[in-house]
Amino acid sequence: MTVTLKSLRAAEAFQEIEALHGLGFNYEYDKNPFLTFLDLIGFSQENYGQSFHKEPELDFMAMEYLADALKKYGRNPEDAIRFIELLLEEELD
């Protein structure tokens, strides 16, 4: 069975990561908590060859969303990475 963004959303498997992704649209690039998340899990370095934020600045709400997303990632990193890839692909469409 092929894992799709739609199937993962339906299962609410990674709603914390998707919530952080959505929250990121409310921030300027240099303060985007989703990009900080990508840095912390090594995704940005592995896929883009660089980190997005050297010294992130996060407010309390962003820290809460980031903590939830990191916990979800920690429980299932491989599927979380696949979900992130699908989420970013959708953003480009």
C-alpha atoms as a PDB file:
ATOM      1  CA  MET A   1       0.000   0.000   0.000  1.00  0.00           C
ATOM      2  CA  THR A   2       1.324   3.416  -0.951  1.00  0.00           C
ATOM      3  CA  VAL A   3       1.440   5.982   1.826  1.00  0.00           C
ATOM      4  CA  THR A   4      -0.054   9.257   0.685  1.00  0.00           C
ATOM      5  CA  LEU A   5      -0.410  12.648   2.308  1.00  0.00           C
ATOM      6  CA  LYS A   6      -4.175  12.186   2.185  1.00  0.00           C
ATOM      7  CA  SER A   7      -4.028   8.840   4.013  1.00  0.00           C
ATOM      8  CA  LEU A   8      -1.688  10.217   6.675  1.00  0.00           C
ATOM      9  CA  ARG A   9      -3.907  13.252   7.183  1.00  0.00           C
ATOM     10  CA  ALA A  10      -6.981  11.040   7.472  1.00  0.00           C
ATOM     11  CA  ALA A  11      -5.275   8.987  10.167  1.00  0.00           C
ATOM     12  CA  GLU A  12      -4.147  12.188  11.910  1.00  0.00           C
ATOM     13  CA  ALA A  13      -0.809  10.428  12.158  1.00  0.00           C
ATOM     14  CA  PHE A  14       1.292  13.572  12.040  1.00  0.00           C
ATOM     15  CA  GLN A  15      -1.132  16.349  12.932  1.00  0.00           C
ATOM     16  CA  GLU A  16       1.449  17.949  15.252  1.00  0.00           C
ATOM     17  CA  ILE A  17       3.940  18.318  12.409  1.00  0.00           C
ATOM     18  CA  GLU A  18       1.267  19.638  10.076  1.00  0.00           C
ATOM     19  CA  ALA A  19       0.128  22.117  12.744  1.00  0.00           C
ATOM     20  CA  LEU A  20       3.690  23.414  13.096  1.00  0.00           C
ATOM     21  CA  HIS A  21       3.971  23.661   9.313  1.00  0.00           C
ATOM     22  CA  GLY A  22       0.777  25.723   9.181  1.00  0.00           C
ATOM     23  CA  LEU A  23       1.882  27.921  12.065  1.00  0.00           C
ATOM     24  CA  GLY A  24       5.080  28.701  10.174  1.00  0.00           C
ATOM     25  CA  PHE A  25       3.121  30.665   7.573  1.00  0.00           C
ATOM     26  CA  ASN A  26       2.425  33.289  10.254  1.00  0.00           C
ATOM     27  CA  TYR A  27       6.141  34.047  10.715  1.00  0.00           C
ATOM     28  CA  GLU A  28       8.838  35.801   8.776  1.00  0.00           C
ATOM     29  CA  TYR A  29      11.391  33.449   7.219  1.00  0.00           C
ATOM     30  CA  ASP A  30      14.048  34.016   9.894  1.00  0.00           C
ATOM     31  CA  LYS A  31      11.620  33.204  12.701  1.00  0.00           C
ATOM     32  CA  ASN A  32       9.700  30.331  11.086  1.00  0.00           C
ATOM     33  CA  PRO A  33       9.432  27.526  13.676  1.00  0.00           C
ATOM     34  CA  PHE A  34       8.850  24.860  11.013  1.00  0.00           C
ATOM     35  CA  LEU A  35      12.238  25.634   9.483  1.00  0.00           C
ATOM     36  CA  THR A  36      13.785  25.370  12.952  1.00  0.00           C
ATOM     37  CA  PHE A  37      12.150  21.935  13.254  1.00  0.00           C
ATOM     38  CA  LEU A  38      13.671  20.884   9.924  1.00  0.00           C
ATOM     39  CA  ASP A  39      17.078  22.006  11.196  1.00  0.00           C
ATOM     40  CA  LEU A  40      16.753  20.125  14.491  1.00  0.00           C
ATOM     41  CA  ILE A  41      15.873  16.812  12.860  1.00  0.00           C
ATOM     42  CA  GLY A  42      18.624  17.185  10.254  1.00  0.00           C
ATOM     43  CA  PHE A  43      16.205  17.395   7.325  1.00  0.00           C
ATOM     44  CA  SER A  44      17.394  20.765   6.034  1.00  0.00           C
ATOM     45  CA  GLN A  45      21.063  19.790   6.104  1.00  0.00           C
ATOM     46  CA  GLU A  46      20.416  16.423   4.462  1.00  0.00           C
ATOM     47  CA  ASN A  47      18.078  17.738   1.761  1.00  0.00           C
ATOM     48  CA  TYR A  48      19.273  21.300   1.180  1.00  0.00           C
ATOM     49  CA  GLY A  49      22.891  21.147   2.317  1.00  0.00           C
ATOM     50  CA  GLN A  50      22.430  23.886   4.903  1.00  0.00           C
ATOM     51  CA  SER A  51      20.611  24.842   8.049  1.00  0.00           C
ATOM     52  CA  PHE A  52      17.954  27.519   7.816  1.00  0.00           C
ATOM     53  CA  HIS A  53      18.476  29.094  11.229  1.00  0.00           C
ATOM     54  CA  LYS A  54      21.730  29.451  13.080  1.00  0.00           C
ATOM     55  CA  GLU A  55      20.150  31.154  16.099  1.00  0.00           C
ATOM     56  CA  PRO A  56      16.400  30.578  16.111  1.00  0.00           C
ATOM     57  CA  GLU A  57      14.098  32.926  17.968  1.00  0.00           C
ATOM     58  CA  LEU A  58      10.898  31.258  19.122  1.00  0.00           C
ATOM     59  CA  ASP A  59       7.940  32.619  21.044  1.00  0.00           C
ATOM     60  CA  PHE A  60       6.047  30.482  23.563  1.00  0.00           C
ATOM     61  CA  MET A  61       3.419  29.263  21.117  1.00  0.00           C
ATOM     62  CA  ALA A  62       6.046  28.262  18.567  1.00  0.00           C
ATOM     63  CA  MET A  63       7.989  26.405  21.268  1.00  0.00           C
ATOM     64  CA  GLU A  64       4.883  24.435  22.238  1.00  0.00           C
ATOM     65  CA  TYR A  65       4.142  23.443  18.632  1.00  0.00           C
ATOM     66  CA  LEU A  66       7.813  22.618  18.073  1.00  0.00           C
ATOM     67  CA  ALA A  67       7.935  20.392  21.170  1.00  0.00           C
ATOM     68  CA  ASP A  68       4.833  18.482  20.025  1.00  0.00           C
ATOM     69  CA  ALA A  69       6.255  17.993  16.531  1.00  0.00           C
ATOM     70  CA  LEU A  70       9.599  16.795  17.913  1.00  0.00           C
ATOM     71  CA  LYS A  71       7.846  14.256  20.138  1.00  0.00           C
ATOM     72  CA  LYS A  72       5.890  12.933  17.158  1.00  0.00           C
ATOM     73  CA  TYR A  73       9.082  12.757  15.083  1.00  0.00           C
ATOM     74  CA  GLY A  74      10.901  10.935  17.895  1.00  0.00           C
ATOM     75  CA  ARG A  75       8.270   8.196  18.003  1.00  0.00           C
ATOM     76  CA  ASN A  76       8.405   7.439  14.279  1.00  0.00           C
ATOM     77  CA  PRO A  77      11.189   9.288  12.454  1.00  0.00           C
ATOM     78  CA  GLU A  78      11.048   7.426   9.131  1.00  0.00           C
ATOM     79  CA  ASP A  79       7.338   7.964   8.596  1.00  0.00           C
ATOM     80  CA  ALA A  80       7.620  11.534   9.880  1.00  0.00           C
ATOM     81  CA  ILE A  81      10.267  12.276   7.251  1.00  0.00           C
ATOM     82  CA  ARG A  82       8.035  10.795   4.548  1.00  0.00           C
ATOM     83  CA  PHE A  83       5.150  12.943   5.767  1.00  0.00           C
ATOM     84  CA  ILE A  84       7.362  16.058   5.674  1.00  0.00           C
ATOM     85  CA  GLU A  85       8.473  15.223   2.130  1.00  0.00           C
ATOM     86  CA  LEU A  86       4.854  14.833   1.029  1.00  0.00           C
ATOM     87  CA  LEU A  87       3.871  18.057   2.799  1.00  0.00           C
ATOM     88  CA  LEU A  88       6.649  20.005   1.077  1.00  0.00           C
ATOM     89  CA  GLU A  89       5.827  18.452  -2.306  1.00  0.00           C
ATOM     90  CA  GLU A  90       2.222  19.574  -1.910  1.00  0.00           C
ATOM     91  CA  GLU A  91       3.430  23.086  -1.103  1.00  0.00           C
ATOM     92  CA  LEU A  92       5.265  23.206  -4.423  1.00  0.00           C
ATOM     93  CA  ASP A  93       2.249  22.086  -6.465  1.00  0.00           C
END
